[in-house]
Amino acid sequence: YFLRHGQSVASRESLFCGAATDAPLTAEG
């Protein structure tokens, strides 16, 4: 089962968030 992580601070803003960005989950995430 390949699960993508929950919403992060970066995905909420549609930013490029790759291997070097350790963005936390939002409350919704």
PDB file of all heavy atoms in Angstrom:
ATOM      1  N   TYR A   1       0.863  -1.183   0.000  1.00  0.00           N
ATOM      2  CA  TYR A   1       0.000   0.000   0.000  1.00  0.00           C
ATOM      3  C   TYR A   1       0.900   1.233   0.000  1.00  0.00           C
ATOM      4  O   TYR A   1       1.601   1.492   0.986  1.00  0.00           O
ATOM      5  CB  TYR A   1      -0.897   0.003   1.233  1.00  0.00           C
ATOM      6  CG  TYR A   1      -1.924  -1.099   1.264  1.00  0.00           C
ATOM      7  CD1 TYR A   1      -1.535  -2.432   1.443  1.00  0.00           C
ATOM      8  CD2 TYR A   1      -3.276  -0.821   1.124  1.00  0.00           C
ATOM      9  CE1 TYR A   1      -2.472  -3.460   1.478  1.00  0.00           C
ATOM     10  CE2 TYR A   1      -4.222  -1.841   1.162  1.00  0.00           C
ATOM     11  CZ  TYR A   1      -3.813  -3.148   1.335  1.00  0.00           C
ATOM     12  OH  TYR A   1      -4.750  -4.157   1.365  1.00  0.00           O
ATOM     13  N   PHE A   2       0.898   1.966  -1.101  1.00  0.00           N
ATOM     14  CA  PHE A   2       1.742   3.154  -1.220  1.00  0.00           C
ATOM     15  C   PHE A   2       0.891   4.384  -0.872  1.00  0.00           C
ATOM     16  O   PHE A   2       0.049   4.821  -1.661  1.00  0.00           O
ATOM     17  CB  PHE A   2       2.298   3.276  -2.633  1.00  0.00           C
ATOM     18  CG  PHE A   2       3.200   2.138  -3.030  1.00  0.00           C
ATOM     19  CD1 PHE A   2       2.731   1.104  -3.824  1.00  0.00           C
ATOM     20  CD2 PHE A   2       4.508   2.093  -2.583  1.00  0.00           C
ATOM     21  CE1 PHE A   2       3.557   0.054  -4.190  1.00  0.00           C
ATOM     22  CE2 PHE A   2       5.345   1.041  -2.938  1.00  0.00           C
ATOM     23  CZ  PHE A   2       4.870   0.020  -3.736  1.00  0.00           C
ATOM     24  N   LEU A   3       1.123   4.919   0.310  1.00  0.00           N
ATOM     25  CA  LEU A   3       0.337   6.036   0.826  1.00  0.00           C
ATOM     26  C   LEU A   3       1.146   7.323   0.728  1.00  0.00           C
ATOM     27  O   LEU A   3       2.257   7.410   1.255  1.00  0.00           O
ATOM     28  CB  LEU A   3      -0.039   5.765   2.290  1.00  0.00           C
ATOM     29  CG  LEU A   3      -0.770   6.875   3.044  1.00  0.00           C
ATOM     30  CD1 LEU A   3      -2.158   7.137   2.442  1.00  0.00           C
ATOM     31  CD2 LEU A   3      -0.879   6.518   4.531  1.00  0.00           C
ATOM     32  N   ARG A   4       0.576   8.314   0.064  1.00  0.00           N
ATOM     33  CA  ARG A   4       1.217   9.629   0.110  1.00  0.00           C
ATOM     34  C   ARG A   4       0.887  10.271   1.457  1.00  0.00           C
ATOM     35  O   ARG A   4      -0.212  10.105   1.989  1.00  0.00           O
ATOM     36  CB  ARG A   4       0.721  10.526  -1.021  1.00  0.00           C
ATOM     37  CG  ARG A   4       1.488  11.861  -1.066  1.00  0.00           C
ATOM     38  CD  ARG A   4       0.941  12.833  -2.081  1.00  0.00           C
ATOM     39  NE  ARG A   4       1.589  14.128  -1.928  1.00  0.00           N
ATOM     40  CZ  ARG A   4       1.161  15.259  -2.463  1.00  0.00           C
ATOM     41  NH1 ARG A   4       0.051  15.275  -3.195  1.00  0.00           N
ATOM     42  NH2 ARG A   4       1.819  16.393  -2.266  1.00  0.00           N
ATOM     43  N   HIS A   5       1.849  10.999   2.001  1.00  0.00           N
ATOM     44  CA  HIS A   5       1.647  11.670   3.284  1.00  0.00           C
ATOM     45  C   HIS A   5       0.452  12.622   3.237  1.00  0.00           C
ATOM     46  O   HIS A   5      -0.011  13.046   2.176  1.00  0.00           O
ATOM     47  CB  HIS A   5       2.910  12.453   3.660  1.00  0.00           C
ATOM     48  CG  HIS A   5       3.272  13.513   2.653  1.00  0.00           C
ATOM     49  ND1 HIS A   5       2.649  14.747   2.599  1.00  0.00           N
ATOM     50  CD2 HIS A   5       4.181  13.503   1.642  1.00  0.00           C
ATOM     51  CE1 HIS A   5       3.159  15.460   1.632  1.00  0.00           C
ATOM     52  NE2 HIS A   5       4.086  14.730   1.018  1.00  0.00           N
ATOM     53  N   GLY A   6      -0.041  12.985   4.425  1.00  0.00           N
ATOM     54  CA  GLY A   6      -1.117  13.948   4.525  1.00  0.00           C
ATOM     55  C   GLY A   6      -0.662  15.348   4.124  1.00  0.00           C
ATOM     56  O   GLY A   6       0.528  15.597   3.878  1.00  0.00           O
ATOM     57  N   GLN A   7      -1.627  16.257   4.092  1.00  0.00           N
ATOM     58  CA  GLN A   7      -1.301  17.627   3.677  1.00  0.00           C
ATOM     59  C   GLN A   7      -0.186  18.213   4.551  1.00  0.00           C
ATOM     60  O   GLN A   7      -0.209  18.114   5.777  1.00  0.00           O
ATOM     61  CB  GLN A   7      -2.534  18.524   3.789  1.00  0.00           C
ATOM     62  CG  GLN A   7      -2.286  19.932   3.253  1.00  0.00           C
ATOM     63  CD  GLN A   7      -3.353  20.923   3.689  1.00  0.00           C
ATOM     64  OE1 GLN A   7      -3.550  21.161   4.880  1.00  0.00           O
ATOM     65  NE2 GLN A   7      -4.064  21.486   2.728  1.00  0.00           N
ATOM     66  N   SER A   8       0.804  18.802   3.892  1.00  0.00           N
ATOM     67  CA  SER A   8       1.882  19.488   4.595  1.00  0.00           C
ATOM     68  C   SER A   8       1.739  20.994   4.382  1.00  0.00           C
ATOM     69  O   SER A   8       0.941  21.456   3.557  1.00  0.00           O
ATOM     70  CB  SER A   8       3.250  19.023   4.077  1.00  0.00           C
ATOM     71  OG  SER A   8       3.480  19.520   2.767  1.00  0.00           O
ATOM     72  N   VAL A   9       2.524  21.731   5.137  1.00  0.00           N
ATOM     73  CA  VAL A   9       2.521  23.185   4.980  1.00  0.00           C
ATOM     74  C   VAL A   9       2.873  23.558   3.544  1.00  0.00           C
ATOM     75  O   VAL A   9       2.288  24.484   2.958  1.00  0.00           O
ATOM     76  CB  VAL A   9       3.510  23.821   5.975  1.00  0.00           C
ATOM     77  CG1 VAL A   9       3.670  25.308   5.707  1.00  0.00           C
ATOM     78  CG2 VAL A   9       3.052  23.580   7.405  1.00  0.00           C
ATOM     79  N   ALA A  10       3.805  22.828   2.933  1.00  0.00           N
ATOM     80  CA  ALA A  10       4.235  23.149   1.575  1.00  0.00           C
ATOM     81  C   ALA A  10       3.212  22.717   0.522  1.00  0.00           C
ATOM     82  O   ALA A  10       2.963  23.441  -0.446  1.00  0.00           O
ATOM     83  CB  ALA A  10       5.582  22.497   1.283  1.00  0.00           C
ATOM     84  N   SER A  11       2.615  21.528   0.693  1.00  0.00           N
ATOM     85  CA  SER A  11       1.629  21.088  -0.303  1.00  0.00           C
ATOM     86  C   SER A  11       0.385  21.974  -0.260  1.00  0.00           C
ATOM     87  O   SER A  11      -0.266  22.198  -1.281  1.00  0.00           O
ATOM     88  CB  SER A  11       1.250  19.617  -0.092  1.00  0.00           C
ATOM     89  OG  SER A  11       0.564  19.421   1.127  1.00  0.00           O
ATOM     90  N   ARG A  12       0.065  22.508   0.916  1.00  0.00           N
ATOM     91  CA  ARG A  12      -1.072  23.427   1.025  1.00  0.00           C
ATOM     92  C   ARG A  12      -0.869  24.661   0.147  1.00  0.00           C
ATOM     93  O   ARG A  12      -1.818  25.174  -0.452  1.00  0.00           O
ATOM     94  CB  ARG A  12      -1.254  23.852   2.486  1.00  0.00           C
ATOM     95  CG  ARG A  12      -2.422  24.809   2.723  1.00  0.00           C
ATOM     96  CD  ARG A  12      -2.500  25.186   4.183  1.00  0.00           C
ATOM     97  NE  ARG A  12      -1.272  25.853   4.621  1.00  0.00           N
ATOM     98  CZ  ARG A  12      -0.938  26.009   5.901  1.00  0.00           C
ATOM     99  NH1 ARG A  12      -1.711  25.543   6.860  1.00  0.00           N
ATOM    100  NH2 ARG A  12       0.191  26.638   6.233  1.00  0.00           N
ATOM    101  N   GLU A  13       0.385  25.100   0.048  1.00  0.00           N
ATOM    102  CA  GLU A  13       0.700  26.290  -0.744  1.00  0.00           C
ATOM    103  C   GLU A  13       1.168  25.953  -2.160  1.00  0.00           C
ATOM    104  O   GLU A  13       1.565  26.845  -2.904  1.00  0.00           O
ATOM    105  CB  GLU A  13       1.790  27.103  -0.029  1.00  0.00           C
ATOM    106  CG  GLU A  13       1.462  27.474   1.410  1.00  0.00           C
ATOM    107  CD  GLU A  13       0.205  28.312   1.531  1.00  0.00           C
ATOM    108  OE1 GLU A  13      -0.078  29.086   0.599  1.00  0.00           O
ATOM    109  OE2 GLU A  13      -0.501  28.184   2.551  1.00  0.00           O
ATOM    110  N   SER A  14       1.126  24.665  -2.528  1.00  0.00           N
ATOM    111  CA  SER A  14       1.556  24.199  -3.853  1.00  0.00           C
ATOM    112  C   SER A  14       2.993  24.616  -4.167  1.00  0.00           C
ATOM    113  O   SER A  14       3.311  25.081  -5.265  1.00  0.00           O
ATOM    114  CB  SER A  14       0.604  24.707  -4.941  1.00  0.00           C
ATOM    115  OG  SER A  14      -0.687  24.179  -4.759  1.00  0.00           O
ATOM    116  N   LEU A  15       3.886  24.415  -3.198  1.00  0.00           N
ATOM    117  CA  LEU A  15       5.302  24.715  -3.369  1.00  0.00           C
ATOM    118  C   LEU A  15       6.066  23.455  -3.757  1.00  0.00           C
ATOM    119  O   LEU A  15       5.642  22.339  -3.464  1.00  0.00           O
ATOM    120  CB  LEU A  15       5.886  25.271  -2.063  1.00  0.00           C
ATOM    121  CG  LEU A  15       5.218  26.514  -1.489  1.00  0.00           C
ATOM    122  CD1 LEU A  15       5.891  26.904  -0.178  1.00  0.00           C
ATOM    123  CD2 LEU A  15       5.237  27.673  -2.478  1.00  0.00           C
ATOM    124  N   PHE A  16       7.206  23.629  -4.408  1.00  0.00           N
ATOM    125  CA  PHE A  16       8.101  22.506  -4.675  1.00  0.00           C
ATOM    126  C   PHE A  16       8.708  22.069  -3.339  1.00  0.00           C
ATOM    127  O   PHE A  16       9.472  22.805  -2.718  1.00  0.00           O
ATOM    128  CB  PHE A  16       9.201  22.902  -5.659  1.00  0.00           C
ATOM    129  CG  PHE A  16       8.739  23.004  -7.084  1.00  0.00           C
ATOM    130  CD1 PHE A  16       8.400  24.226  -7.634  1.00  0.00           C
ATOM    131  CD2 PHE A  16       8.635  21.869  -7.872  1.00  0.00           C
ATOM    132  CE1 PHE A  16       7.972  24.324  -8.954  1.00  0.00           C
ATOM    133  CE2 PHE A  16       8.208  21.945  -9.194  1.00  0.00           C
ATOM    134  CZ  PHE A  16       7.871  23.182  -9.733  1.00  0.00           C
ATOM    135  N   CYS A  17       8.354  20.894  -2.916  1.00  0.00           N
ATOM    136  CA  CYS A  17       8.739  20.401  -1.594  1.00  0.00           C
ATOM    137  C   CYS A  17       9.359  19.031  -1.769  1.00  0.00           C
ATOM    138  O   CYS A  17       8.665  18.018  -1.823  1.00  0.00           O
ATOM    139  CB  CYS A  17       7.513  20.347  -0.691  1.00  0.00           C
ATOM    140  SG  CYS A  17       7.841  19.810   0.992  1.00  0.00           S
ATOM    141  N   GLY A  18      10.679  18.988  -1.880  1.00  0.00           N
ATOM    142  CA  GLY A  18      11.348  17.748  -2.218  1.00  0.00           C
ATOM    143  C   GLY A  18      12.143  17.147  -1.079  1.00  0.00           C
ATOM    144  O   GLY A  18      11.832  17.327   0.106  1.00  0.00           O
ATOM    145  N   ALA A  19      13.207  16.461  -1.441  1.00  0.00           N
ATOM    146  CA  ALA A  19      13.995  15.709  -0.468  1.00  0.00           C
ATOM    147  C   ALA A  19      14.666  16.601   0.564  1.00  0.00           C
ATOM    148  O   ALA A  19      14.933  16.170   1.687  1.00  0.00           O
ATOM    149  CB  ALA A  19      15.040  14.874  -1.195  1.00  0.00           C
ATOM    150  N   ALA A  20      14.947  17.854   0.206  1.00  0.00           N
ATOM    151  CA  ALA A  20      15.667  18.752   1.118  1.00  0.00           C
ATOM    152  C   ALA A  20      14.741  19.615   1.964  1.00  0.00           C
ATOM    153  O   ALA A  20      15.213  20.423   2.756  1.00  0.00           O
ATOM    154  CB  ALA A  20      16.613  19.650   0.321  1.00  0.00           C
ATOM    155  N   THR A  21      13.430  19.466   1.799  1.00  0.00           N
ATOM    156  CA  THR A  21      12.464  20.279   2.536  1.00  0.00           C
ATOM    157  C   THR A  21      11.680  19.379   3.484  1.00  0.00           C
ATOM    158  O   THR A  21      10.904  18.534   3.043  1.00  0.00           O
ATOM    159  CB  THR A  21      11.495  20.994   1.573  1.00  0.00           C
ATOM    160  OG1 THR A  21      12.246  21.775   0.644  1.00  0.00           O
ATOM    161  CG2 THR A  21      10.554  21.906   2.346  1.00  0.00           C
ATOM    162  N   ASP A  22      11.880  19.565   4.772  1.00  0.00           N
ATOM    163  CA  ASP A  22      11.242  18.690   5.762  1.00  0.00           C
ATOM    164  C   ASP A  22      10.003  19.383   6.331  1.00  0.00           C
ATOM    165  O   ASP A  22       9.935  19.723   7.515  1.00  0.00           O
ATOM    166  CB  ASP A  22      12.231  18.341   6.868  1.00  0.00           C
ATOM    167  CG  ASP A  22      11.840  17.070   7.606  1.00  0.00           C
ATOM    168  OD1 ASP A  22      11.002  16.310   7.076  1.00  0.00           O
ATOM    169  OD2 ASP A  22      12.366  16.841   8.712  1.00  0.00           O
ATOM    170  N   ALA A  23       9.020  19.587   5.476  1.00  0.00           N
ATOM    171  CA  ALA A  23       7.822  20.325   5.859  1.00  0.00           C
ATOM    172  C   ALA A  23       6.956  19.497   6.807  1.00  0.00           C
ATOM    173  O   ALA A  23       6.761  18.305   6.585  1.00  0.00           O
ATOM    174  CB  ALA A  23       7.017  20.695   4.614  1.00  0.00           C
ATOM    175  N   PRO A  24       6.414  20.123   7.850  1.00  0.00           N
ATOM    176  CA  PRO A  24       5.527  19.393   8.769  1.00  0.00           C
ATOM    177  C   PRO A  24       4.125  19.245   8.190  1.00  0.00           C
ATOM    178  O   PRO A  24       3.737  19.962   7.249  1.00  0.00           O
ATOM    179  CB  PRO A  24       5.500  20.293  10.008  1.00  0.00           C
ATOM    180  CG  PRO A  24       5.692  21.674   9.454  1.00  0.00           C
ATOM    181  CD  PRO A  24       6.635  21.519   8.285  1.00  0.00           C
ATOM    182  N   LEU A  25       3.365  18.341   8.764  1.00  0.00           N
ATOM    183  CA  LEU A  25       1.956  18.230   8.418  1.00  0.00           C
ATOM    184  C   LEU A  25       1.181  19.412   8.980  1.00  0.00           C
ATOM    185  O   LEU A  25       1.527  19.967  10.026  1.00  0.00           O
ATOM    186  CB  LEU A  25       1.363  16.941   8.985  1.00  0.00           C
ATOM    187  CG  LEU A  25       1.880  15.606   8.448  1.00  0.00           C
ATOM    188  CD1 LEU A  25       1.152  14.461   9.153  1.00  0.00           C
ATOM    189  CD2 LEU A  25       1.710  15.499   6.941  1.00  0.00           C
ATOM    190  N   THR A  26       0.105  19.786   8.291  1.00  0.00           N
ATOM    191  CA  THR A  26      -0.856  20.725   8.846  1.00  0.00           C
ATOM    192  C   THR A  26      -1.798  19.964   9.786  1.00  0.00           C
ATOM    193  O   THR A  26      -1.756  18.729   9.873  1.00  0.00           O
ATOM    194  CB  THR A  26      -1.684  21.364   7.728  1.00  0.00           C
ATOM    195  OG1 THR A  26      -2.420  20.324   7.057  1.00  0.00           O
ATOM    196  CG2 THR A  26      -0.794  22.083   6.714  1.00  0.00           C
ATOM    197  N   ALA A  27      -2.672  20.696  10.446  1.00  0.00           N
ATOM    198  CA  ALA A  27      -3.688  20.031  11.274  1.00  0.00           C
ATOM    199  C   ALA A  27      -4.554  19.118  10.415  1.00  0.00           C
ATOM    200  O   ALA A  27      -4.930  18.015  10.833  1.00  0.00           O
ATOM    201  CB  ALA A  27      -4.541  21.077  11.983  1.00  0.00           C
ATOM    202  N   GLU A  28      -4.845  19.561   9.197  1.00  0.00           N
ATOM    203  CA  GLU A  28      -5.632  18.730   8.283  1.00  0.00           C
ATOM    204  C   GLU A  28      -4.836  17.501   7.859  1.00  0.00           C
ATOM    205  O   GLU A  28      -5.405  16.415   7.682  1.00  0.00           O
ATOM    206  CB  GLU A  28      -6.052  19.550   7.060  1.00  0.00           C
ATOM    207  CG  GLU A  28      -7.055  20.653   7.334  1.00  0.00           C
ATOM    208  CD  GLU A  28      -6.415  21.924   7.897  1.00  0.00           C
ATOM    209  OE1 GLU A  28      -5.166  21.996   7.996  1.00  0.00           O
ATOM    210  OE2 GLU A  28      -7.179  22.851   8.241  1.00  0.00           O
ATOM    211  N   GLY A  29      -3.519  17.651   7.699  1.00  0.00           N
ATOM    212  CA  GLY A  29      -2.684  16.509   7.376  1.00  0.00           C
ATOM    213  C   GLY A  29      -2.680  15.464   8.484  1.00  0.00           C
ATOM    214  O   GLY A  29      -2.720  14.254   8.222  1.00  0.00           O
TER     215      GLY A  29
END
